[in-house]
PDB file of N, CA and C in Angstrom:
ATOM      1  N   MET A   1      15.556 -16.427  -7.667  1.00  0.00           N
ATOM      2  CA  MET A   1      14.992 -17.253  -6.672  1.00  0.00           C
ATOM      3  C   MET A   1      15.438 -18.798  -6.880  1.00  0.00           C
ATOM      4  N   ALA A   2      16.631 -18.844  -7.401  1.00  0.00           N
ATOM      5  CA  ALA A   2      17.227 -20.196  -7.680  1.00  0.00           C
ATOM      6  C   ALA A   2      17.263 -20.955  -6.390  1.00  0.00           C
ATOM      7  N   GLY A   3      16.714 -22.211  -6.312  1.00  0.00           N
ATOM      8  CA  GLY A   3      16.849 -22.991  -5.193  1.00  0.00           C
ATOM      9  C   GLY A   3      15.515 -22.965  -4.240  1.00  0.00           C
ATOM     10  N   PHE A   4      14.592 -22.037  -4.582  1.00  0.00           N
ATOM     11  CA  PHE A   4      13.331 -21.878  -3.899  1.00  0.00           C
ATOM     12  C   PHE A   4      12.222 -22.360  -4.947  1.00  0.00           C
ATOM     13  N   GLY A   5      11.233 -22.997  -4.263  1.00  0.00           N
ATOM     14  CA  GLY A   5      10.105 -23.446  -5.019  1.00  0.00           C
ATOM     15  C   GLY A   5       8.889 -22.456  -4.644  1.00  0.00           C
ATOM     16  N   GLU A   6       7.711 -22.687  -5.228  1.00  0.00           N
ATOM     17  CA  GLU A   6       6.607 -21.772  -5.014  1.00  0.00           C
ATOM     18  C   GLU A   6       6.165 -21.861  -3.416  1.00  0.00           C
ATOM     19  N   LYS A   7       6.369 -23.053  -2.968  1.00  0.00           N
ATOM     20  CA  LYS A   7       5.772 -23.335  -1.548  1.00  0.00           C
ATOM     21  C   LYS A   7       6.816 -22.529  -0.619  1.00  0.00           C
ATOM     22  N   ASP A   8       8.023 -22.186  -1.043  1.00  0.00           N
ATOM     23  CA  ASP A   8       8.940 -21.501  -0.106  1.00  0.00           C
ATOM     24  C   ASP A   8       8.842 -19.977  -0.285  1.00  0.00           C
ATOM     25  N   LEU A   9       8.008 -19.458  -1.287  1.00  0.00           N
ATOM     26  CA  LEU A   9       7.974 -18.055  -1.467  1.00  0.00           C
ATOM     27  C   LEU A   9       6.631 -17.454  -0.976  1.00  0.00           C
ATOM     28  N   ASN A  10       6.669 -16.267  -0.503  1.00  0.00           N
ATOM     29  CA  ASN A  10       5.428 -15.563  -0.141  1.00  0.00           C
ATOM     30  C   ASN A  10       5.536 -14.127  -0.764  1.00  0.00           C
ATOM     31  N   VAL A  11       4.475 -13.784  -1.528  1.00  0.00           N
ATOM     32  CA  VAL A  11       4.488 -12.389  -2.125  1.00  0.00           C
ATOM     33  C   VAL A  11       3.151 -11.773  -1.731  1.00  0.00           C
ATOM     34  N   GLU A  12       3.261 -10.600  -1.202  1.00  0.00           N
ATOM     35  CA  GLU A  12       2.024  -9.890  -0.699  1.00  0.00           C
ATOM     36  C   GLU A  12       2.266  -8.322  -0.825  1.00  0.00           C
ATOM     37  N   VAL A  13       1.093  -7.701  -0.975  1.00  0.00           N
ATOM     38  CA  VAL A  13       1.007  -6.237  -1.005  1.00  0.00           C
ATOM     39  C   VAL A  13       0.268  -5.662   0.127  1.00  0.00           C
ATOM     40  N   ARG A  14       0.886  -4.752   0.870  1.00  0.00           N
ATOM     41  CA  ARG A  14       0.145  -4.192   2.022  1.00  0.00           C
ATOM     42  C   ARG A  14       0.585  -2.625   2.059  1.00  0.00           C
ATOM     43  N   GLU A  15      -0.532  -1.830   1.917  1.00  0.00           N
ATOM     44  CA  GLU A  15      -0.295  -0.454   2.055  1.00  0.00           C
ATOM     45  C   GLU A  15       0.751   0.198   1.144  1.00  0.00           C
ATOM     46  N   GLY A  16       0.632  -0.301  -0.195  1.00  0.00           N
ATOM     47  CA  GLY A  16       1.616   0.193  -1.117  1.00  0.00           C
ATOM     48  C   GLY A  16       3.003  -0.352  -1.128  1.00  0.00           C
ATOM     49  N   VAL A  17       3.354  -1.491  -0.259  1.00  0.00           N
ATOM     50  CA  VAL A  17       4.497  -1.986  -0.196  1.00  0.00           C
ATOM     51  C   VAL A  17       4.520  -3.493  -0.724  1.00  0.00           C
ATOM     52  N   LEU A  18       5.183  -3.800  -1.755  1.00  0.00           N
ATOM     53  CA  LEU A  18       5.280  -5.223  -2.185  1.00  0.00           C
ATOM     54  C   LEU A  18       6.375  -5.927  -1.337  1.00  0.00           C
ATOM     55  N   THR A  19       6.048  -6.962  -0.740  1.00  0.00           N
ATOM     56  CA  THR A  19       6.918  -7.787  -0.015  1.00  0.00           C
ATOM     57  C   THR A  19       7.175  -9.182  -0.606  1.00  0.00           C
ATOM     58  N   VAL A  20       8.367  -9.602  -0.806  1.00  0.00           N
ATOM     59  CA  VAL A  20       8.720 -10.865  -1.266  1.00  0.00           C
ATOM     60  C   VAL A  20       9.566 -11.614  -0.189  1.00  0.00           C
ATOM     61  N   GLN A  21       9.041 -12.659   0.343  1.00  0.00           N
ATOM     62  CA  GLN A  21       9.798 -13.491   1.364  1.00  0.00           C
ATOM     63  C   GLN A  21      10.164 -14.861   0.955  1.00  0.00           C
ATOM     64  N   GLY A  22      11.297 -15.288   1.230  1.00  0.00           N
ATOM     65  CA  GLY A  22      11.560 -16.769   0.892  1.00  0.00           C
ATOM     66  C   GLY A  22      12.180 -17.391   2.156  1.00  0.00           C
ATOM     67  N   LYS A  23      11.688 -18.514   2.374  1.00  0.00           N
ATOM     68  CA  LYS A  23      12.238 -19.331   3.512  1.00  0.00           C
ATOM     69  C   LYS A  23      12.141 -20.882   3.160  1.00  0.00           C
ATOM     70  N   ARG A  24      13.176 -21.540   2.984  1.00  0.00           N
ATOM     71  CA  ARG A  24      13.188 -22.917   2.713  1.00  0.00           C
ATOM     72  C   ARG A  24      12.821 -23.679   3.965  1.00  0.00           C
ATOM     73  N   GLU A  25      11.985 -24.799   3.667  1.00  0.00           N
ATOM     74  CA  GLU A  25      11.504 -25.634   4.808  1.00  0.00           C
ATOM     75  C   GLU A  25      12.363 -26.680   4.825  1.00  0.00           C
ATOM     76  N   GLU A  26      12.994 -26.996   5.889  1.00  0.00           N
ATOM     77  CA  GLU A  26      13.956 -28.117   6.151  1.00  0.00           C
ATOM     78  C   GLU A  26      13.190 -29.361   6.349  1.00  0.00           C
ATOM     79  N   SER A  27      13.487 -30.288   5.425  1.00  0.00           N
ATOM     80  CA  SER A  27      12.925 -31.655   5.655  1.00  0.00           C
ATOM     81  C   SER A  27      13.867 -32.378   6.452  1.00  0.00           C
ATOM     82  N   GLY A  28      13.425 -33.608   6.964  1.00  0.00           N
ATOM     83  CA  GLY A  28      14.227 -34.355   7.849  1.00  0.00           C
ATOM     84  C   GLY A  28      15.533 -34.960   7.168  1.00  0.00           C
ATOM     85  N   GLU A  29      15.284 -35.334   5.916  1.00  0.00           N
ATOM     86  CA  GLU A  29      16.431 -35.970   5.110  1.00  0.00           C
ATOM     87  C   GLU A  29      17.342 -34.940   4.766  1.00  0.00           C
ATOM     88  N   GLN A  30      16.921 -33.785   4.316  1.00  0.00           N
ATOM     89  CA  GLN A  30      17.932 -32.756   3.859  1.00  0.00           C
ATOM     90  C   GLN A  30      18.727 -32.266   4.926  1.00  0.00           C
ATOM     91  N   GLY A  31      18.228 -32.192   6.174  1.00  0.00           N
ATOM     92  CA  GLY A  31      18.976 -31.747   7.382  1.00  0.00           C
ATOM     93  C   GLY A  31      20.174 -32.641   7.697  1.00  0.00           C
ATOM     94  N   LYS A  32      20.021 -33.922   7.357  1.00  0.00           N
ATOM     95  CA  LYS A  32      21.003 -35.047   7.716  1.00  0.00           C
ATOM     96  C   LYS A  32      22.121 -35.053   6.644  1.00  0.00           C
ATOM     97  N   THR A  33      21.765 -34.555   5.337  1.00  0.00           N
ATOM     98  CA  THR A  33      22.655 -34.703   4.206  1.00  0.00           C
ATOM     99  C   THR A  33      23.922 -33.747   4.430  1.00  0.00           C
ATOM    100  N   ALA A  34      25.098 -34.227   4.219  1.00  0.00           N
ATOM    101  CA  ALA A  34      26.350 -33.397   4.338  1.00  0.00           C
ATOM    102  C   ALA A  34      26.848 -33.031   2.928  1.00  0.00           C
ATOM    103  N   PHE A  35      26.976 -31.922   2.520  1.00  0.00           N
ATOM    104  CA  PHE A  35      27.426 -31.481   1.305  1.00  0.00           C
ATOM    105  C   PHE A  35      28.888 -31.040   1.374  1.00  0.00           C
ATOM    106  N   LEU A  36      29.672 -31.289   0.347  1.00  0.00           N
ATOM    107  CA  LEU A  36      31.019 -30.927   0.314  1.00  0.00           C
ATOM    108  C   LEU A  36      30.979 -29.445  -0.169  1.00  0.00           C
ATOM    109  N   TYR A  37      30.070 -29.182  -1.207  1.00  0.00           N
ATOM    110  CA  TYR A  37      29.974 -27.739  -1.610  1.00  0.00           C
ATOM    111  C   TYR A  37      28.579 -27.427  -2.038  1.00  0.00           C
ATOM    112  N   GLN A  38      27.883 -26.555  -1.653  1.00  0.00           N
ATOM    113  CA  GLN A  38      26.472 -26.119  -2.065  1.00  0.00           C
ATOM    114  C   GLN A  38      26.499 -24.738  -2.640  1.00  0.00           C
ATOM    115  N   GLY A  39      26.436 -24.811  -4.020  1.00  0.00           N
ATOM    116  CA  GLY A  39      26.575 -23.425  -4.692  1.00  0.00           C
ATOM    117  C   GLY A  39      25.369 -22.580  -4.501  1.00  0.00           C
ATOM    118  N   ILE A  40      24.253 -22.949  -4.224  1.00  0.00           N
ATOM    119  CA  ILE A  40      23.049 -22.057  -4.051  1.00  0.00           C
ATOM    120  C   ILE A  40      22.813 -21.953  -2.747  1.00  0.00           C
ATOM    121  N   ALA A  41      22.847 -20.572  -2.140  1.00  0.00           N
ATOM    122  CA  ALA A  41      22.573 -20.447  -0.664  1.00  0.00           C
ATOM    123  C   ALA A  41      21.054 -20.722  -0.449  1.00  0.00           C
ATOM    124  N   GLY A  42      20.728 -21.148   0.791  1.00  0.00           N
ATOM    125  CA  GLY A  42      19.370 -21.555   1.014  1.00  0.00           C
ATOM    126  C   GLY A  42      18.835 -20.743   2.239  1.00  0.00           C
ATOM    127  N   ARG A  43      19.488 -19.599   2.535  1.00  0.00           N
ATOM    128  CA  ARG A  43      19.019 -18.903   3.668  1.00  0.00           C
ATOM    129  C   ARG A  43      17.759 -18.017   3.377  1.00  0.00           C
ATOM    130  N   ALA A  44      17.055 -17.662   4.334  1.00  0.00           N
ATOM    131  CA  ALA A  44      15.745 -16.985   4.191  1.00  0.00           C
ATOM    132  C   ALA A  44      16.070 -15.541   3.842  1.00  0.00           C
ATOM    133  N   PHE A  45      15.102 -14.964   3.155  1.00  0.00           N
ATOM    134  CA  PHE A  45      15.346 -13.428   2.767  1.00  0.00           C
ATOM    135  C   PHE A  45      13.915 -12.717   2.916  1.00  0.00           C
ATOM    136  N   ASP A  46      14.039 -11.432   2.920  1.00  0.00           N
ATOM    137  CA  ASP A  46      12.764 -10.576   2.984  1.00  0.00           C
ATOM    138  C   ASP A  46      13.195  -9.209   2.216  1.00  0.00           C
ATOM    139  N   ARG A  47      12.436  -9.195   1.080  1.00  0.00           N
ATOM    140  CA  ARG A  47      12.794  -7.962   0.193  1.00  0.00           C
ATOM    141  C   ARG A  47      11.567  -7.040   0.037  1.00  0.00           C
ATOM    142  N   ARG A  48      11.638  -5.762   0.325  1.00  0.00           N
ATOM    143  CA  ARG A  48      10.458  -4.945   0.144  1.00  0.00           C
ATOM    144  C   ARG A  48      10.741  -3.848  -0.894  1.00  0.00           C
ATOM    145  N   PHE A  49       9.622  -3.546  -1.657  1.00  0.00           N
ATOM    146  CA  PHE A  49       9.612  -2.607  -2.690  1.00  0.00           C
ATOM    147  C   PHE A  49       8.415  -1.530  -2.557  1.00  0.00           C
ATOM    148  N   GLN A  50       8.793  -0.279  -2.524  1.00  0.00           N
ATOM    149  CA  GLN A  50       7.795   0.747  -2.354  1.00  0.00           C
ATOM    150  C   GLN A  50       7.085   0.884  -3.748  1.00  0.00           C
ATOM    151  N   LEU A  51       5.707   0.878  -3.905  1.00  0.00           N
ATOM    152  CA  LEU A  51       5.057   0.902  -5.173  1.00  0.00           C
ATOM    153  C   LEU A  51       4.576   2.429  -5.267  1.00  0.00           C
ATOM    154  N   ALA A  52       4.483   2.895  -6.597  1.00  0.00           N
ATOM    155  CA  ALA A  52       4.066   4.179  -6.762  1.00  0.00           C
ATOM    156  C   ALA A  52       2.445   4.243  -6.521  1.00  0.00           C
ATOM    157  N   GLU A  53       1.922   5.431  -6.434  1.00  0.00           N
ATOM    158  CA  GLU A  53       0.430   5.587  -6.088  1.00  0.00           C
ATOM    159  C   GLU A  53      -0.431   4.785  -7.039  1.00  0.00           C
ATOM    160  N   ASN A  54      -0.306   4.759  -8.384  1.00  0.00           N
ATOM    161  CA  ASN A  54      -1.337   4.296  -9.251  1.00  0.00           C
ATOM    162  C   ASN A  54      -0.839   2.916  -9.770  1.00  0.00           C
ATOM    163  N   VAL A  55       0.144   2.241  -9.115  1.00  0.00           N
ATOM    164  CA  VAL A  55       0.527   0.827  -9.540  1.00  0.00           C
ATOM    165  C   VAL A  55      -0.094  -0.120  -8.717  1.00  0.00           C
ATOM    166  N   GLU A  56      -0.598  -1.262  -9.514  1.00  0.00           N
ATOM    167  CA  GLU A  56      -1.269  -2.329  -8.913  1.00  0.00           C
ATOM    168  C   GLU A  56      -0.605  -3.636  -9.210  1.00  0.00           C
ATOM    169  N   VAL A  57      -0.492  -4.555  -8.327  1.00  0.00           N
ATOM    170  CA  VAL A  57       0.119  -5.854  -8.646  1.00  0.00           C
ATOM    171  C   VAL A  57      -1.004  -6.716  -9.259  1.00  0.00           C
ATOM    172  N   ARG A  58      -0.716  -7.399 -10.393  1.00  0.00           N
ATOM    173  CA  ARG A  58      -1.755  -8.106 -11.164  1.00  0.00           C
ATOM    174  C   ARG A  58      -1.554  -9.640 -10.862  1.00  0.00           C
ATOM    175  N   GLY A  59      -0.303 -10.158 -10.714  1.00  0.00           N
ATOM    176  CA  GLY A  59      -0.041 -11.418 -10.469  1.00  0.00           C
ATOM    177  C   GLY A  59       1.579 -11.712 -10.339  1.00  0.00           C
ATOM    178  N   ALA A  60       1.841 -12.936 -10.071  1.00  0.00           N
ATOM    179  CA  ALA A  60       3.260 -13.352  -9.922  1.00  0.00           C
ATOM    180  C   ALA A  60       3.339 -14.824 -10.403  1.00  0.00           C
ATOM    181  N   LYS A  61       4.468 -15.045 -10.952  1.00  0.00           N
ATOM    182  CA  LYS A  61       4.764 -16.459 -11.410  1.00  0.00           C
ATOM    183  C   LYS A  61       6.203 -16.773 -11.206  1.00  0.00           C
ATOM    184  N   LEU A  62       6.541 -18.066 -10.987  1.00  0.00           N
ATOM    185  CA  LEU A  62       7.935 -18.442 -10.796  1.00  0.00           C
ATOM    186  C   LEU A  62       8.194 -19.525 -11.957  1.00  0.00           C
ATOM    187  N   GLU A  63       9.235 -19.003 -12.760  1.00  0.00           N
ATOM    188  CA  GLU A  63       9.531 -19.729 -14.022  1.00  0.00           C
ATOM    189  C   GLU A  63      10.965 -19.789 -14.079  1.00  0.00           C
ATOM    190  N   ASN A  64      11.517 -21.060 -14.129  1.00  0.00           N
ATOM    191  CA  ASN A  64      13.106 -21.259 -14.380  1.00  0.00           C
ATOM    192  C   ASN A  64      13.857 -20.616 -13.384  1.00  0.00           C
ATOM    193  N   GLY A  65      13.377 -20.452 -12.075  1.00  0.00           N
ATOM    194  CA  GLY A  65      14.249 -19.839 -10.977  1.00  0.00           C
ATOM    195  C   GLY A  65      14.037 -18.268 -11.057  1.00  0.00           C
ATOM    196  N   LEU A  66      13.249 -17.750 -11.896  1.00  0.00           N
ATOM    197  CA  LEU A  66      12.913 -16.336 -11.872  1.00  0.00           C
ATOM    198  C   LEU A  66      11.581 -15.959 -11.378  1.00  0.00           C
ATOM    199  N   LEU A  67      11.398 -15.057 -10.570  1.00  0.00           N
ATOM    200  CA  LEU A  67      10.162 -14.614 -10.142  1.00  0.00           C
ATOM    201  C   LEU A  67       9.656 -13.471 -10.910  1.00  0.00           C
ATOM    202  N   HIS A  68       8.580 -13.579 -11.659  1.00  0.00           N
ATOM    203  CA  HIS A  68       8.024 -12.466 -12.418  1.00  0.00           C
ATOM    204  C   HIS A  68       6.832 -11.952 -11.671  1.00  0.00           C
ATOM    205  N   VAL A  69       6.747 -10.623 -11.431  1.00  0.00           N
ATOM    206  CA  VAL A  69       5.702  -9.884 -10.758  1.00  0.00           C
ATOM    207  C   VAL A  69       5.247  -9.024 -11.740  1.00  0.00           C
ATOM    208  N   ASP A  70       3.865  -9.242 -12.092  1.00  0.00           N
ATOM    209  CA  ASP A  70       3.188  -8.254 -13.092  1.00  0.00           C
ATOM    210  C   ASP A  70       2.626  -7.106 -12.393  1.00  0.00           C
ATOM    211  N   LEU A  71       3.093  -5.919 -12.742  1.00  0.00           N
ATOM    212  CA  LEU A  71       2.560  -4.620 -12.274  1.00  0.00           C
ATOM    213  C   LEU A  71       1.853  -3.958 -13.327  1.00  0.00           C
ATOM    214  N   GLU A  72       0.800  -3.164 -12.976  1.00  0.00           N
ATOM    215  CA  GLU A  72       0.099  -2.337 -13.971  1.00  0.00           C
ATOM    216  C   GLU A  72      -0.084  -0.987 -13.333  1.00  0.00           C
ATOM    217  N   ARG A  73       0.230   0.111 -14.139  1.00  0.00           N
ATOM    218  CA  ARG A  73      -0.079   1.427 -13.870  1.00  0.00           C
ATOM    219  C   ARG A  73      -1.355   1.805 -14.285  1.00  0.00           C
ATOM    220  N   ILE A  74      -2.199   2.262 -13.363  1.00  0.00           N
ATOM    221  CA  ILE A  74      -3.553   2.692 -13.737  1.00  0.00           C
ATOM    222  C   ILE A  74      -3.571   4.133 -13.429  1.00  0.00           C
ATOM    223  N   VAL A  75      -3.942   4.926 -14.562  1.00  0.00           N
ATOM    224  CA  VAL A  75      -3.926   6.398 -14.634  1.00  0.00           C
ATOM    225  C   VAL A  75      -5.314   6.797 -14.463  1.00  0.00           C
ATOM    226  N   PRO A  76      -5.755   7.580 -13.445  1.00  0.00           N
ATOM    227  CA  PRO A  76      -7.133   8.062 -13.419  1.00  0.00           C
ATOM    228  C   PRO A  76      -7.458   8.977 -14.476  1.00  0.00           C
ATOM    229  N   ASP A  77      -8.685   9.150 -14.894  1.00  0.00           N
ATOM    230  CA  ASP A  77      -9.073  10.073 -16.035  1.00  0.00           C
ATOM    231  C   ASP A  77      -8.688  11.507 -15.662  1.00  0.00           C
ATOM    232  N   GLU A  78      -8.730  11.931 -14.500  1.00  0.00           N
ATOM    233  CA  GLU A  78      -8.344  13.320 -14.204  1.00  0.00           C
ATOM    234  C   GLU A  78      -6.872  13.555 -14.459  1.00  0.00           C
ATOM    235  N   GLN A  79      -6.080  12.501 -14.395  1.00  0.00           N
ATOM    236  CA  GLN A  79      -4.602  12.677 -14.614  1.00  0.00           C
ATOM    237  C   GLN A  79      -4.172  12.435 -16.179  1.00  0.00           C
ATOM    238  N   LYS A  80      -5.031  11.953 -16.841  1.00  0.00           N
ATOM    239  CA  LYS A  80      -4.651  11.681 -18.296  1.00  0.00           C
ATOM    240  C   LYS A  80      -4.546  12.999 -19.034  1.00  0.00           C
ATOM    241  N   PRO A  81      -3.646  13.118 -20.001  1.00  0.00           N
ATOM    242  CA  PRO A  81      -3.445  14.317 -20.765  1.00  0.00           C
ATOM    243  C   PRO A  81      -4.669  14.529 -21.626  1.00  0.00           C
ATOM    244  N   ARG A  82      -5.090  15.786 -21.739  1.00  0.00           N
ATOM    245  CA  ARG A  82      -6.180  16.075 -22.670  1.00  0.00           C
ATOM    246  C   ARG A  82      -5.720  17.085 -23.762  1.00  0.00           C
ATOM    247  N   ARG A  83      -6.366  16.901 -24.893  1.00  0.00           N
ATOM    248  CA  ARG A  83      -6.071  17.817 -26.046  1.00  0.00           C
ATOM    249  C   ARG A  83      -7.023  19.006 -25.887  1.00  0.00           C
ATOM    250  N   ILE A  84      -6.465  20.212 -25.960  1.00  0.00           N
ATOM    251  CA  ILE A  84      -7.125  21.575 -26.010  1.00  0.00           C
ATOM    252  C   ILE A  84      -7.129  22.084 -27.269  1.00  0.00           C
ATOM    253  N   ALA A  85      -8.324  22.315 -27.898  1.00  0.00           N
ATOM    254  CA  ALA A  85      -8.555  22.984 -29.327  1.00  0.00           C
ATOM    255  C   ALA A  85      -8.219  24.370 -29.246  1.00  0.00           C
ATOM    256  N   ILE A  86      -7.441  24.788 -30.161  1.00  0.00           N
ATOM    257  CA  ILE A  86      -7.083  26.295 -30.260  1.00  0.00           C
ATOM    258  C   ILE A  86      -8.029  26.932 -31.352  1.00  0.00           C
ATOM    259  N   ASN A  87      -8.789  27.855 -30.817  1.00  0.00           N
ATOM    260  CA  ASN A  87      -9.748  28.588 -31.843  1.00  0.00           C
ATOM    261  C   ASN A  87      -9.249  30.034 -32.003  1.00  0.00           C
ATOM    262  N   GLY A  88      -8.509  30.221 -33.056  1.00  0.00           N
ATOM    263  CA  GLY A  88      -7.970  31.559 -33.266  1.00  0.00           C
ATOM    264  C   GLY A  88      -8.914  32.441 -34.185  1.00  0.00           C
ATOM    265  N   ALA A  89      -9.781  31.777 -35.003  1.00  0.00           N
ATOM    266  CA  ALA A  89     -10.575  32.764 -35.937  1.00  0.00           C
ATOM    267  C   ALA A  89     -11.853  33.088 -35.217  1.00  0.00           C
ATOM    268  N   ASP A  90     -12.453  32.440 -34.399  1.00  0.00           N
ATOM    269  CA  ASP A  90     -13.666  32.847 -33.712  1.00  0.00           C
ATOM    270  C   ASP A  90     -13.454  33.483 -32.378  1.00  0.00           C
ATOM    271  N   VAL A  91     -12.767  34.537 -32.299  1.00  0.00           N
ATOM    272  CA  VAL A  91     -12.424  35.066 -30.939  1.00  0.00           C
ATOM    273  C   VAL A  91     -13.493  36.211 -30.833  1.00  0.00           C
ATOM    274  N   LYS A  92     -14.269  36.198 -29.735  1.00  0.00           N
ATOM    275  CA  LYS A  92     -15.213  37.191 -29.484  1.00  0.00           C
ATOM    276  C   LYS A  92     -14.735  38.116 -28.370  1.00  0.00           C
ATOM    277  N   ILE A  93     -14.845  39.416 -28.627  1.00  0.00           N
ATOM    278  CA  ILE A  93     -14.524  40.488 -27.666  1.00  0.00           C
ATOM    279  C   ILE A  93     -15.684  41.060 -27.006  1.00  0.00           C
ATOM    280  N   ILE A  94     -15.709  41.122 -25.723  1.00  0.00           N
ATOM    281  CA  ILE A  94     -16.859  41.642 -25.063  1.00  0.00           C
ATOM    282  C   ILE A  94     -16.387  42.925 -24.478  1.00  0.00           C
ATOM    283  N   GLU A  95     -17.213  43.949 -24.776  1.00  0.00           N
ATOM    284  CA  GLU A  95     -16.877  45.234 -24.343  1.00  0.00           C
ATOM    285  C   GLU A  95     -17.954  45.833 -23.236  1.00  0.00           C
ATOM    286  N   GLY A  96     -17.560  46.477 -22.379  1.00  0.00           N
ATOM    287  CA  GLY A  96     -18.545  46.916 -21.374  1.00  0.00           C
ATOM    288  C   GLY A  96     -17.735  48.064 -20.557  1.00  0.00           C
ATOM    289  N   LYS A  97     -18.744  48.610 -19.747  1.00  0.00           N
ATOM    290  CA  LYS A  97     -18.232  49.621 -18.829  1.00  0.00           C
ATOM    291  C   LYS A  97     -17.981  49.175 -17.383  1.00  0.00           C
ATOM    292  N   ALA A  98     -16.937  49.526 -16.864  1.00  0.00           N
ATOM    293  CA  ALA A  98     -16.614  49.182 -15.446  1.00  0.00           C
ATOM    294  C   ALA A  98     -17.453  49.974 -14.512  1.00  0.00           C
ATOM    295  N   ARG A  99     -17.867  49.177 -13.492  1.00  0.00           N
ATOM    296  CA  ARG A  99     -18.840  49.848 -12.547  1.00  0.00           C
ATOM    297  C   ARG A  99     -17.987  50.669 -11.413  1.00  0.00           C
ATOM    298  N   ALA A 100     -18.471  51.707 -11.072  1.00  0.00           N
ATOM    299  CA  ALA A 100     -17.763  52.515 -10.001  1.00  0.00           C
ATOM    300  C   ALA A 100     -18.263  51.912  -8.677  1.00  0.00           C
ATOM    301  N   ALA A 101     -17.265  51.699  -7.868  1.00  0.00           N
ATOM    302  CA  ALA A 101     -17.498  51.048  -6.581  1.00  0.00           C
ATOM    303  C   ALA A 101     -17.709  51.997  -5.578  1.00  0.00           C
TER     304      ALA A 101
END
């Protein structure tokens, strides 16, 4: 995000898609200034990321030209692994007669 400030960036989540948009606002003085060479491109961009089902965006921050987006994976209780106890010594056998149909 080099060359972009916080006011130039837009980060939003809609229907499981994270969208990062950047657009520089041209000021009156900047438009008149002529550069011999400008190393950082200032053109607008739009980048989209498909998020997994259980991923939520917690926040974003711009630091030293890098955009950090905090994601958190939230696993529901029914999808968490469970430990199943194995009982080999206390096996009960039920005997009975089958009914005639």
